[in-house]
Amino acid sequence: MNRSSTDSTPPTPSNDVFTTRRAMVSFENLVALANHQERLREAGKMVWRVRGEPVVELHDLGGCLKHAATGGIRSGALAFNIRAAFNLILVFIRLRSIPKKQRLPIIGRAIFGRDTWRFAAMLGTFTSVYKFLINALPLLMPTVKFPSNPFFDDDEAAWHTVQVPIPSPRHRRRSQRLSLSTQAQQVLVRKKTRRWHAALAGFAAGGLAVLFETRGRRVTIAQQMFVRGLQGSFNAYTTARNITIPFGDVILFALINAQVLYASFMRPDTLPKSYRAWIVRASQVPKEGVDMNYDLMRSRTFNSTDLDKILYSNVTPENAASLLAKKEAFYLGAPNSIASSEAGCHCPCEALHPGQSSCWDVPSARFFAVARFMLPVYGALHFLPPILFRTKAFIQDPLKILAKAGFGTARSCTFLGVYVVIYQGFVCARRVIHEFLTSMSPRSIFKIPQWLVDFLFMSRAAYWWPGLATGLSLLIEEKKRRAELSMYVLPKALESFWNITTGKVPGGFKGGKAGEALLSALGMAMVMSTYQMEPHHLSGLVRRILYQFIGAN
């Protein structure tokens, strides 16, 4: 009886069986977790491209068209989200000043407004057209060869192109489960092609895509792309010929600002109105003082309304009394009035800094006023990118990121404050230096010819060469930001120089859509030929942006 009951009882599993099952379950959970994380990474790549992605091999036009379409849709969606997020940030900054009834419609326009759709259409079109041409041209014209020429010579590409090995068939299944190595992710991989293929693809894509934007933005985008193309081409040229220019970014910045500041004072019609208005606001100089100076230099007269506005502003009693006396002397035709100089007449210092009675008090007051004015702008530029785009590093060490951003903000504010102080100091010292050099004895060995003294300190040139000195302020900025600042201002200087030398009327060249598209096409031809062959010659910002939208090919 006992034996039968014992035989009918199922055997009890041993501890080894439970241990094995638990191990199998744990292993399956680990595999599921790894697969889930891999899927998350793959989904993240659809939004943000990691470095080291291999080149997509395409062998027919159908594949090129499909690759271009998917890339264009991805770029359009990414551009839409970026522009919508940027618009939302701008809306939230001024949300308190917006009536509650208007907040929801404004937020809706910020996300789904025309500007967002235009931006998405522009970048989506550029990506799709460029991807199709850069992959289709080698299939359509595989045997076209050009004479030996540095522009078409592609030998250098072999030194900078990373060859991604294709796994053998027996290891293909396992290779597809593996992520890119850390070393591969540090390399910018791109398709090896001929330089003229990239230039032609960039020309067509850039000229077509920019037409989706409004006219004002088309001009800005075309100018920026053109100077970025010049930057990449210049870097490639100087590197190939081992040409080094010490402090080249500072020299370029000095020349740029000499032209911009001269145009701001003497030829405001050659600068965009919005840009000139920003210069006046950032310099903390009364607009009426700048207008008075322009009228006095041009016609030896001025609008009394401008002087009255300065007198009713935050002006010190000493400056008010001095300005009233000079106003009376000017209208009475006194020989010592502000328009009596034969070499040129300038706005008195009291009108350029009415809040400071002495020119010696101007530098410190102007420095802190400019730094305070630019603090929100530079704060956003330094704090937002690391928080939004380097979230993981920010979470791991927030104090380090915030300290670095704070130091960068203070550095940038100091740069612009010193910039304004340098130029303002030269403007204030101009008349004193002129009087000192004029009063020197003719027998002195340091005596400068009077015509040269008048030219340097009393003519229109007195507003050009001090701009060269402002280039020294760029040494305060971080080295990697110097070229970016120069590239930002260069289009305005080139536009002003073109309008002055060609005698163009306000507004400059009226090329319409064709002119803007042509300028953008030329710029993108240079940019994309450099990006596809020698991306290290482009600035880091441009290179990273292009990689997110274009990738390897």
Protein backbone atom coordinates (compact mmCIF):
# COMPACT_ATOMS: atom_id res chain seq x y z
CA MET A 1 0.00 0.00 0.00
CA ASN A 2 2.70 2.41 0.97
CA ARG A 3 4.71 1.42 -2.06
CA SER A 4 1.84 2.07 -4.46
CA SER A 5 1.12 5.46 -2.97
CA THR A 6 4.74 6.33 -3.14
CA ASP A 7 4.98 5.31 -6.78
CA SER A 8 1.94 7.40 -7.75
CA THR A 9 3.40 10.62 -6.24
CA PRO A 10 5.22 12.75 -8.88
CA PRO A 11 8.89 13.30 -8.21
CA THR A 12 9.88 16.60 -6.66
CA PRO A 13 12.08 18.74 -8.96
CA SER A 14 15.54 19.23 -7.66
CA ASN A 15 17.09 22.63 -6.92
CA ASP A 16 19.25 22.32 -10.04
CA VAL A 17 16.14 22.33 -12.24
CA PHE A 18 14.80 25.53 -10.62
CA THR A 19 18.21 27.15 -10.90
CA THR A 20 18.41 26.30 -14.61
CA ARG A 21 14.93 27.64 -15.27
CA ARG A 22 15.64 30.86 -13.40
CA ALA A 23 18.85 31.29 -15.36
CA MET A 24 16.99 30.77 -18.64
CA VAL A 25 14.31 33.28 -17.65
CA SER A 26 16.96 35.80 -16.61
CA PHE A 27 18.82 35.30 -19.88
CA GLU A 28 15.60 35.76 -21.88
CA ASN A 29 14.84 38.94 -19.94
CA LEU A 30 18.32 40.26 -20.66
CA VAL A 31 17.93 39.47 -24.36
CA ALA A 32 14.52 41.16 -24.42
CA LEU A 33 15.94 44.20 -22.62
CA ALA A 34 18.89 44.37 -25.02
CA ASN A 35 16.58 44.09 -28.03
CA HIS A 36 14.33 46.79 -26.57
CA GLN A 37 17.28 49.11 -26.03
CA GLU A 38 18.50 48.36 -29.56
CA ARG A 39 15.08 49.27 -30.96
CA LEU A 40 15.10 52.49 -28.95
CA ARG A 41 18.52 53.35 -30.36
CA GLU A 42 17.36 52.61 -33.89
CA ALA A 43 14.29 54.79 -33.33
CA GLY A 44 16.53 57.54 -31.99
CA LYS A 45 18.66 57.36 -35.14
CA MET A 46 15.57 58.21 -37.18
CA VAL A 47 15.43 61.50 -35.28
CA TRP A 48 19.11 62.19 -34.54
CA ARG A 49 21.84 60.61 -36.65
CA VAL A 50 24.86 59.14 -34.83
CA ARG A 51 28.35 59.44 -36.23
CA GLY A 52 29.82 56.60 -38.20
CA GLU A 53 26.76 55.52 -40.15
CA PRO A 54 27.89 53.49 -43.19
CA VAL A 55 27.41 54.62 -46.77
CA VAL A 56 24.22 53.30 -48.38
CA GLU A 57 25.15 51.41 -51.55
CA LEU A 58 22.70 52.11 -54.39
CA HIS A 59 22.89 50.38 -57.78
CA ASP A 60 19.89 51.72 -59.76
CA LEU A 61 17.86 54.89 -60.16
CA GLY A 62 14.86 53.37 -58.42
CA GLY A 63 16.93 52.82 -55.29
CA CYS A 64 18.31 56.35 -55.54
CA LEU A 65 14.80 57.79 -55.80
CA LYS A 66 13.55 55.80 -52.81
CA HIS A 67 16.60 56.74 -50.74
CA ALA A 68 16.14 60.42 -51.63
CA ALA A 69 12.42 60.35 -50.79
CA THR A 70 12.92 58.76 -47.37
CA GLY A 71 15.78 61.13 -46.59
CA GLY A 72 13.73 64.14 -47.64
CA ILE A 73 10.79 63.11 -45.47
CA ARG A 74 13.09 62.58 -42.49
CA SER A 75 14.80 65.95 -43.00
CA GLY A 76 11.48 67.73 -43.46
CA ALA A 77 10.12 66.25 -40.23
CA LEU A 78 13.31 67.10 -38.35
CA ALA A 79 13.30 70.66 -39.69
CA PHE A 80 9.61 71.03 -38.80
CA ASN A 81 10.25 69.99 -35.20
CA ILE A 82 13.32 72.20 -34.85
CA ARG A 83 11.55 75.29 -36.20
CA ALA A 84 8.43 74.62 -34.12
CA ALA A 85 10.52 74.19 -30.96
CA PHE A 86 12.41 77.40 -31.68
CA ASN A 87 9.15 79.29 -32.25
CA LEU A 88 7.72 77.92 -29.01
CA ILE A 89 10.74 79.10 -27.05
CA LEU A 90 10.30 82.61 -28.46
CA VAL A 91 6.59 82.53 -27.60
CA PHE A 92 7.18 81.32 -24.03
CA ILE A 93 9.75 84.07 -23.45
CA ARG A 94 7.08 86.73 -24.02
CA LEU A 95 4.08 84.69 -22.89
CA ARG A 96 3.28 86.94 -19.92
CA SER A 97 2.85 89.97 -22.16
CA ILE A 98 0.35 88.14 -24.41
CA PRO A 99 -3.38 88.35 -23.50
CA LYS A 100 -4.79 85.00 -22.37
CA LYS A 101 -7.30 84.85 -25.22
CA GLN A 102 -4.51 85.11 -27.78
CA ARG A 103 -2.09 82.64 -26.22
CA LEU A 104 -3.55 79.45 -27.68
CA PRO A 105 -3.81 80.79 -31.27
CA ILE A 106 -0.27 82.18 -31.08
CA ILE A 107 1.06 78.84 -29.81
CA GLY A 108 -0.79 77.10 -32.63
CA ARG A 109 0.75 79.43 -35.22
CA ALA A 110 4.17 78.90 -33.67
CA ILE A 111 3.87 75.15 -34.25
CA PHE A 112 1.83 74.94 -37.46
CA GLY A 113 2.40 78.38 -38.98
CA ARG A 114 3.64 79.11 -42.49
CA ASP A 115 7.19 79.71 -41.33
CA THR A 116 7.41 76.19 -39.93
CA TRP A 117 6.06 74.59 -43.10
CA ARG A 118 8.32 76.72 -45.31
CA PHE A 119 11.39 75.75 -43.31
CA ALA A 120 10.46 72.07 -43.44
CA ALA A 121 9.79 72.24 -47.19
CA MET A 122 13.11 73.97 -47.83
CA LEU A 123 15.27 71.45 -45.98
CA GLY A 124 13.22 68.46 -47.09
CA THR A 125 13.53 69.52 -50.73
CA PHE A 126 17.24 70.23 -50.41
CA THR A 127 17.93 66.83 -48.85
CA SER A 128 15.87 64.84 -51.35
CA VAL A 129 17.27 66.61 -54.44
CA TYR A 130 20.85 66.41 -53.20
CA LYS A 131 20.60 62.75 -52.16
CA PHE A 132 19.12 61.77 -55.50
CA LEU A 133 21.74 63.60 -57.58
CA ILE A 134 24.79 62.63 -55.51
CA ASN A 135 23.84 58.95 -55.86
CA ALA A 136 22.41 59.05 -59.40
CA LEU A 137 25.18 61.01 -61.13
CA PRO A 138 27.77 58.21 -60.79
CA LEU A 139 25.23 55.83 -62.36
CA LEU A 140 24.28 58.19 -65.19
CA MET A 141 27.80 59.40 -66.03
CA PRO A 142 30.25 56.82 -64.70
CA THR A 143 32.95 57.40 -67.32
CA VAL A 144 33.04 61.21 -67.49
CA LYS A 145 36.56 62.39 -66.71
CA PHE A 146 37.93 65.91 -66.54
CA PRO A 147 41.46 67.10 -67.27
CA SER A 148 43.85 67.15 -64.34
CA ASN A 149 42.81 70.11 -62.24
CA PRO A 150 43.05 70.80 -58.51
CA PHE A 151 39.30 71.43 -58.38
CA PHE A 152 38.42 68.05 -59.86
CA ASP A 153 41.28 66.09 -58.30
CA ASP A 154 39.79 63.55 -55.93
CA ASP A 155 42.96 61.86 -54.74
CA GLU A 156 42.73 63.59 -51.38
CA ALA A 157 39.39 61.95 -50.72
CA ALA A 158 41.10 58.62 -50.23
CA TRP A 159 42.90 59.99 -47.22
CA HIS A 160 39.75 61.19 -45.48
CA THR A 161 37.14 58.61 -46.54
CA VAL A 162 36.54 55.75 -44.15
CA GLN A 163 35.92 52.42 -45.82
CA VAL A 164 33.20 50.49 -43.97
CA PRO A 165 33.72 46.72 -44.40
CA ILE A 166 30.76 44.72 -45.72
CA PRO A 167 30.20 41.59 -43.62
CA SER A 168 30.44 38.20 -45.28
CA PRO A 169 27.20 36.22 -45.79
CA ARG A 170 27.86 33.70 -43.04
CA HIS A 171 28.25 36.47 -40.45
CA ARG A 172 25.58 38.79 -41.83
CA ARG A 173 22.85 37.83 -39.38
CA ARG A 174 25.04 38.40 -36.36
CA SER A 175 26.52 41.64 -37.74
CA GLN A 176 23.07 43.18 -38.14
CA ARG A 177 22.45 42.79 -34.41
CA LEU A 178 25.61 44.64 -33.45
CA SER A 179 25.75 48.40 -32.94
CA LEU A 180 28.48 50.58 -34.40
CA SER A 181 31.64 50.58 -32.35
CA THR A 182 32.59 53.60 -30.33
CA GLN A 183 35.55 54.20 -32.60
CA ALA A 184 33.41 54.17 -35.73
CA GLN A 185 30.97 56.63 -34.19
CA GLN A 186 33.75 59.20 -33.86
CA VAL A 187 34.37 59.25 -37.63
CA LEU A 188 32.39 61.24 -40.16
CA VAL A 189 31.76 58.75 -42.96
CA ARG A 190 30.63 59.96 -46.36
CA LYS A 191 30.29 58.65 -49.88
CA LYS A 192 33.40 58.76 -52.03
CA THR A 193 32.49 60.60 -55.20
CA ARG A 194 33.83 63.12 -57.66
CA ARG A 195 33.99 66.73 -56.55
CA TRP A 196 31.97 68.04 -59.46
CA HIS A 197 29.17 65.58 -58.65
CA ALA A 198 28.84 67.11 -55.17
CA ALA A 199 29.10 70.65 -56.57
CA LEU A 200 26.42 70.04 -59.19
CA ALA A 201 24.10 68.35 -56.69
CA GLY A 202 24.58 71.18 -54.19
CA PHE A 203 24.01 73.80 -56.90
CA ALA A 204 20.70 72.28 -58.02
CA ALA A 205 19.44 71.48 -54.51
CA GLY A 206 20.42 74.85 -53.02
CA GLY A 207 18.92 76.91 -55.82
CA LEU A 208 15.62 75.05 -55.73
CA ALA A 209 15.18 74.65 -51.98
CA VAL A 210 15.68 78.32 -51.06
CA LEU A 211 12.63 79.32 -53.16
CA PHE A 212 10.33 77.89 -50.48
CA GLU A 213 11.35 80.63 -48.03
CA THR A 214 10.17 84.24 -47.90
CA ARG A 215 12.19 86.90 -49.71
CA GLY A 216 13.80 88.32 -46.58
CA ARG A 217 14.94 84.90 -45.42
CA ARG A 218 16.03 83.91 -48.94
CA VAL A 219 18.51 86.80 -48.95
CA THR A 220 19.85 85.92 -45.50
CA ILE A 221 20.15 82.20 -46.26
CA ALA A 222 21.79 82.82 -49.63
CA GLN A 223 24.33 85.20 -48.10
CA GLN A 224 25.17 82.82 -45.27
CA MET A 225 25.56 79.82 -47.57
CA PHE A 226 27.78 81.81 -49.92
CA VAL A 227 30.18 82.92 -47.19
CA ARG A 228 30.20 79.39 -45.71
CA GLY A 229 31.17 78.10 -49.13
CA LEU A 230 33.92 80.70 -49.37
CA GLN A 231 35.14 79.70 -45.92
CA GLY A 232 35.38 76.02 -46.83
CA SER A 233 37.03 76.72 -50.19
CA PHE A 234 39.53 79.12 -48.61
CA ASN A 235 40.43 76.62 -45.87
CA ALA A 236 40.90 73.86 -48.44
CA TYR A 237 43.05 76.11 -50.65
CA THR A 238 45.33 77.31 -47.84
CA THR A 239 45.69 73.81 -46.41
CA ALA A 240 46.61 72.30 -49.77
CA ARG A 241 49.32 74.93 -50.26
CA ASN A 242 50.43 75.02 -46.62
CA ILE A 243 49.49 78.69 -46.19
CA THR A 244 49.04 79.89 -42.62
CA ILE A 245 47.80 83.35 -41.63
CA PRO A 246 48.39 84.11 -37.93
CA PHE A 247 45.24 85.46 -36.29
CA GLY A 248 43.48 85.32 -39.64
CA ASP A 249 40.05 85.24 -37.99
CA VAL A 250 40.85 88.41 -36.01
CA ILE A 251 42.17 90.21 -39.12
CA LEU A 252 39.06 89.25 -41.09
CA PHE A 253 36.80 90.36 -38.23
CA ALA A 254 38.60 93.72 -38.06
CA LEU A 255 38.17 94.37 -41.80
CA ILE A 256 34.53 93.32 -41.66
CA ASN A 257 33.69 95.65 -38.79
CA ALA A 258 35.58 98.56 -40.29
CA GLN A 259 33.23 98.33 -43.27
CA VAL A 260 30.09 97.72 -41.20
CA LEU A 261 30.72 100.57 -38.75
CA TYR A 262 31.64 102.99 -41.53
CA ALA A 263 28.42 102.08 -43.33
CA SER A 264 26.42 102.45 -40.13
CA PHE A 265 27.58 106.05 -39.66
CA MET A 266 28.25 107.27 -43.21
CA ARG A 267 26.23 105.02 -45.56
CA PRO A 268 23.28 103.63 -43.62
CA ASP A 269 21.43 103.13 -46.91
CA THR A 270 23.81 100.26 -47.75
CA LEU A 271 22.82 98.20 -44.70
CA PRO A 272 19.49 96.50 -43.98
CA LYS A 273 17.35 98.75 -41.78
CA SER A 274 16.80 96.06 -39.17
CA TYR A 275 20.53 95.36 -38.90
CA ARG A 276 21.45 99.03 -38.58
CA ALA A 277 18.73 99.51 -35.94
CA TRP A 278 20.21 96.60 -33.98
CA ILE A 279 23.69 98.15 -34.16
CA VAL A 280 22.38 101.44 -32.77
CA ARG A 281 20.50 99.68 -29.95
CA ALA A 282 23.44 97.47 -29.03
CA SER A 283 25.87 100.41 -28.99
CA GLN A 284 23.61 102.28 -26.51
CA VAL A 285 24.04 105.47 -28.56
CA PRO A 286 20.91 107.62 -29.05
CA LYS A 287 19.54 107.17 -32.55
CA GLU A 288 19.06 110.94 -32.78
CA GLY A 289 22.79 111.43 -32.15
CA VAL A 290 23.67 109.07 -35.00
CA ASP A 291 21.23 110.88 -37.30
CA MET A 292 22.67 114.27 -36.32
CA ASN A 293 26.18 113.06 -37.09
CA TYR A 294 25.11 111.76 -40.50
CA ASP A 295 23.40 115.06 -41.42
CA LEU A 296 26.35 117.16 -40.23
CA MET A 297 28.88 115.10 -42.19
CA ARG A 298 26.74 115.11 -45.33
CA SER A 299 25.17 118.56 -45.44
CA ARG A 300 26.70 120.53 -42.53
CA THR A 301 23.29 120.92 -40.96
CA PHE A 302 21.00 118.85 -38.76
CA ASN A 303 17.38 118.43 -37.79
CA SER A 304 16.64 120.43 -34.66
CA THR A 305 14.03 117.83 -33.69
CA ASP A 306 16.80 115.29 -33.13
CA LEU A 307 18.61 117.63 -30.76
CA ASP A 308 15.36 118.43 -28.92
CA LYS A 309 14.72 114.71 -28.35
CA ILE A 310 18.17 114.34 -26.85
CA LEU A 311 17.59 117.35 -24.58
CA TYR A 312 14.36 115.78 -23.30
CA SER A 313 15.99 112.40 -22.70
CA ASN A 314 18.18 111.26 -19.81
CA VAL A 315 20.73 114.06 -20.23
CA THR A 316 22.94 115.57 -17.55
CA PRO A 317 22.60 119.31 -16.77
CA GLU A 318 26.13 119.97 -18.01
CA ASN A 319 25.47 118.26 -21.35
CA ALA A 320 22.11 120.01 -21.71
CA ALA A 321 23.68 123.43 -21.20
CA SER A 322 26.48 122.64 -23.65
CA LEU A 323 24.07 121.36 -26.33
CA LEU A 324 21.81 124.40 -25.98
CA ALA A 325 24.80 126.71 -26.37
CA LYS A 326 26.00 124.85 -29.46
CA LYS A 327 22.50 124.88 -30.92
CA GLU A 328 22.29 128.64 -30.49
CA ALA A 329 25.78 129.15 -31.96
CA PHE A 330 24.90 126.96 -34.93
CA TYR A 331 21.78 128.92 -35.83
CA LEU A 332 23.55 132.24 -35.27
CA GLY A 333 26.36 131.16 -37.60
CA ALA A 334 29.06 131.58 -34.97
CA PRO A 335 32.60 130.69 -36.10
CA ASN A 336 33.00 128.13 -33.31
CA SER A 337 29.79 126.23 -34.05
CA ILE A 338 29.68 122.49 -34.68
CA ALA A 339 29.50 123.05 -38.46
CA SER A 340 32.40 125.48 -38.78
CA SER A 341 35.25 123.00 -39.34
CA GLU A 342 36.69 123.04 -42.85
CA ALA A 343 37.80 119.41 -42.63
CA GLY A 344 34.44 118.10 -41.51
CA CYS A 345 31.82 118.55 -38.84
CA HIS A 346 30.75 115.91 -36.37
CA CYS A 347 28.08 115.44 -33.77
CA PRO A 348 29.31 116.71 -30.38
CA CYS A 349 30.15 114.09 -27.77
CA GLU A 350 27.37 115.40 -25.50
CA ALA A 351 24.80 114.13 -28.00
CA LEU A 352 26.44 110.70 -28.35
CA HIS A 353 26.55 110.06 -24.59
CA PRO A 354 24.05 112.48 -23.01
CA GLY A 355 23.99 110.53 -19.76
CA GLN A 356 27.70 111.06 -19.05
CA SER A 357 29.13 114.56 -18.71
CA SER A 358 32.73 113.48 -19.21
CA CYS A 359 34.10 111.25 -21.96
CA TRP A 360 36.16 109.48 -19.30
CA ASP A 361 32.96 108.20 -17.67
CA VAL A 362 31.70 106.66 -20.90
CA PRO A 363 33.75 103.41 -21.12
CA SER A 364 32.60 101.89 -17.83
CA ALA A 365 28.98 103.01 -18.23
CA ARG A 366 28.81 101.85 -21.85
CA PHE A 367 30.49 98.50 -21.06
CA PHE A 368 27.97 97.48 -18.39
CA ALA A 369 25.02 98.80 -20.41
CA VAL A 370 26.02 96.74 -23.46
CA ALA A 371 26.75 93.63 -21.37
CA ARG A 372 23.35 93.91 -19.67
CA PHE A 373 21.62 94.43 -23.01
CA MET A 374 23.21 91.30 -24.55
CA LEU A 375 22.93 89.08 -21.46
CA PRO A 376 19.59 87.44 -22.46
CA VAL A 377 20.80 86.79 -26.01
CA TYR A 378 24.16 85.30 -25.10
CA GLY A 379 22.62 83.50 -22.14
CA ALA A 380 20.22 81.67 -24.45
CA LEU A 381 23.02 80.85 -26.91
CA HIS A 382 25.23 79.34 -24.22
CA PHE A 383 22.69 77.70 -21.89
CA LEU A 384 20.06 76.24 -24.23
CA PRO A 385 22.22 74.07 -26.57
CA PRO A 386 23.93 72.00 -23.82
CA ILE A 387 20.64 71.53 -21.97
CA LEU A 388 18.59 70.61 -25.05
CA PHE A 389 21.16 68.69 -27.11
CA ARG A 390 23.46 67.29 -24.41
CA THR A 391 20.83 66.18 -21.97
CA LYS A 392 22.71 63.07 -20.83
CA ALA A 393 25.87 65.02 -19.99
CA PHE A 394 23.77 67.72 -18.30
CA ILE A 395 22.02 65.16 -16.06
CA GLN A 396 25.32 63.51 -15.13
CA ASP A 397 27.11 66.73 -14.19
CA PRO A 398 24.76 69.74 -14.25
CA LEU A 399 27.06 72.02 -12.26
CA LYS A 400 29.89 71.60 -14.76
CA ILE A 401 27.62 72.32 -17.73
CA LEU A 402 26.02 75.34 -16.06
CA ALA A 403 29.38 76.72 -14.95
CA LYS A 404 30.79 76.38 -18.46
CA ALA A 405 27.70 78.03 -19.96
CA GLY A 406 27.86 80.83 -17.40
CA PHE A 407 31.53 81.47 -18.15
CA GLY A 408 30.81 81.47 -21.88
CA THR A 409 27.97 83.97 -21.39
CA ALA A 410 30.18 86.30 -19.35
CA ARG A 411 32.93 85.96 -21.94
CA SER A 412 30.65 86.85 -24.85
CA CYS A 413 29.11 89.81 -23.01
CA THR A 414 32.60 91.05 -22.20
CA PHE A 415 33.59 90.72 -25.86
CA LEU A 416 30.77 92.92 -27.12
CA GLY A 417 31.17 95.39 -24.25
CA VAL A 418 34.86 95.86 -25.06
CA TYR A 419 33.98 96.08 -28.76
CA VAL A 420 31.65 99.05 -28.17
CA VAL A 421 34.05 100.72 -25.72
CA ILE A 422 36.91 100.60 -28.26
CA TYR A 423 34.90 102.27 -31.00
CA GLN A 424 33.25 104.79 -28.68
CA GLY A 425 36.64 105.67 -27.23
CA PHE A 426 38.06 106.46 -30.66
CA VAL A 427 35.02 108.56 -31.56
CA CYS A 428 35.34 110.60 -28.37
CA ALA A 429 39.13 111.00 -28.70
CA ARG A 430 38.97 111.98 -32.36
CA ARG A 431 38.60 115.74 -31.88
CA VAL A 432 41.15 115.88 -29.04
CA ILE A 433 43.75 114.03 -31.11
CA HIS A 434 43.04 116.27 -34.10
CA GLU A 435 43.50 119.43 -32.05
CA PHE A 436 46.72 118.10 -30.51
CA LEU A 437 48.28 117.13 -33.85
CA THR A 438 47.17 120.38 -35.47
CA SER A 439 48.70 122.52 -32.72
CA MET A 440 52.11 120.85 -32.98
CA SER A 441 55.00 123.04 -34.07
CA PRO A 442 55.84 122.77 -37.78
CA ARG A 443 59.49 122.25 -36.78
CA SER A 444 58.70 119.13 -34.74
CA ILE A 445 59.97 115.87 -36.20
CA PHE A 446 56.64 114.30 -35.22
CA LYS A 447 54.62 116.84 -37.18
CA ILE A 448 52.19 115.09 -39.54
CA PRO A 449 51.00 116.85 -42.70
CA GLN A 450 47.78 118.67 -42.00
CA TRP A 451 45.94 117.04 -44.89
CA LEU A 452 46.70 113.61 -43.42
CA VAL A 453 45.57 114.70 -39.95
CA ASP A 454 42.29 116.00 -41.36
CA PHE A 455 41.81 112.84 -43.40
CA LEU A 456 42.37 110.49 -40.46
CA PHE A 457 40.41 112.33 -37.77
CA MET A 458 37.89 114.68 -39.39
CA SER A 459 36.87 113.12 -42.70
CA ARG A 460 34.67 110.10 -43.31
CA ALA A 461 37.72 107.87 -42.88
CA ALA A 462 37.54 108.66 -39.16
CA TYR A 463 34.64 106.20 -38.99
CA TRP A 464 36.40 103.42 -40.92
CA TRP A 465 39.82 102.86 -39.42
CA PRO A 466 38.65 102.78 -35.76
CA GLY A 467 36.60 99.77 -36.80
CA LEU A 468 39.88 97.94 -37.39
CA ALA A 469 40.73 98.33 -33.71
CA THR A 470 37.47 96.68 -32.67
CA GLY A 471 38.82 93.43 -34.12
CA LEU A 472 41.05 93.13 -31.04
CA SER A 473 37.96 92.48 -28.92
CA LEU A 474 37.55 89.13 -30.70
CA LEU A 475 40.58 87.81 -28.79
CA ILE A 476 38.35 87.70 -25.71
CA GLU A 477 36.03 85.17 -27.33
CA GLU A 478 36.66 81.43 -27.42
CA LYS A 479 38.83 80.49 -30.39
CA LYS A 480 36.29 78.16 -31.97
CA ARG A 481 33.64 80.93 -31.91
CA ARG A 482 35.78 83.54 -33.64
CA ALA A 483 35.28 82.25 -37.16
CA GLU A 484 31.54 81.85 -36.51
CA LEU A 485 31.23 85.50 -35.49
CA SER A 486 33.15 86.61 -38.57
CA MET A 487 30.97 84.50 -40.85
CA TYR A 488 27.84 85.98 -39.25
CA VAL A 489 28.84 89.59 -40.02
CA LEU A 490 30.67 89.02 -43.33
CA PRO A 491 27.52 88.99 -45.55
CA LYS A 492 26.48 92.42 -44.25
CA ALA A 493 29.94 93.85 -44.92
CA LEU A 494 30.06 92.39 -48.43
CA GLU A 495 26.58 93.71 -49.21
CA SER A 496 27.49 97.19 -47.98
CA PHE A 497 30.81 97.20 -49.85
CA TRP A 498 29.07 96.09 -53.05
CA ASN A 499 26.42 98.81 -52.79
CA ILE A 500 29.01 101.53 -52.10
CA THR A 501 31.47 100.57 -54.83
CA THR A 502 28.79 100.07 -57.48
CA GLY A 503 26.73 103.11 -56.49
CA LYS A 504 23.60 101.06 -55.92
CA VAL A 505 20.51 102.73 -54.52
CA PRO A 506 19.12 101.65 -51.13
CA GLY A 507 18.24 98.01 -51.31
CA GLY A 508 21.19 97.11 -53.50
CA PHE A 509 20.99 94.52 -56.23
CA LYS A 510 17.42 93.73 -57.30
CA GLY A 511 17.86 90.22 -58.55
CA GLY A 512 14.49 88.89 -57.41
CA LYS A 513 14.02 85.17 -56.93
CA ALA A 514 16.52 84.36 -59.68
CA GLY A 515 19.33 86.33 -58.05
CA GLU A 516 18.69 84.90 -54.60
CA ALA A 517 18.42 81.36 -55.95
CA LEU A 518 21.64 81.79 -57.96
CA LEU A 519 23.58 83.08 -54.96
CA SER A 520 22.27 80.24 -52.80
CA ALA A 521 23.08 77.70 -55.51
CA LEU A 522 26.66 78.93 -55.85
CA GLY A 523 27.10 78.88 -52.09
CA MET A 524 25.72 75.37 -51.69
CA ALA A 525 27.85 74.13 -54.60
CA MET A 526 30.96 75.20 -52.70
CA VAL A 527 29.65 73.97 -49.34
CA MET A 528 28.61 70.52 -50.54
CA SER A 529 31.75 69.91 -52.60
CA THR A 530 33.77 70.65 -49.47
CA TYR A 531 31.46 68.60 -47.24
CA GLN A 532 31.55 65.54 -49.48
CA MET A 533 35.30 65.60 -50.09
CA GLU A 534 36.95 67.50 -47.21
CA PRO A 535 34.40 68.13 -44.44
CA HIS A 536 37.10 69.05 -41.94
CA HIS A 537 37.55 72.34 -43.81
CA LEU A 538 34.02 73.45 -42.89
CA SER A 539 33.20 74.90 -39.50
CA GLY A 540 32.09 72.38 -36.89
CA LEU A 541 28.60 73.87 -36.70
CA VAL A 542 27.98 73.62 -40.45
CA ARG A 543 29.49 70.14 -40.61
CA ARG A 544 27.30 68.78 -37.82
CA ILE A 545 24.12 70.32 -39.24
CA LEU A 546 24.78 68.92 -42.71
CA TYR A 547 25.52 65.48 -41.30
CA GLN A 548 22.19 65.40 -39.48
CA PHE A 549 20.28 66.18 -42.68
CA ILE A 550 22.45 64.56 -45.36
CA GLY A 551 24.42 61.83 -43.59
CA ALA A 552 27.03 59.89 -45.54
CA ASN A 553 25.08 60.07 -48.81
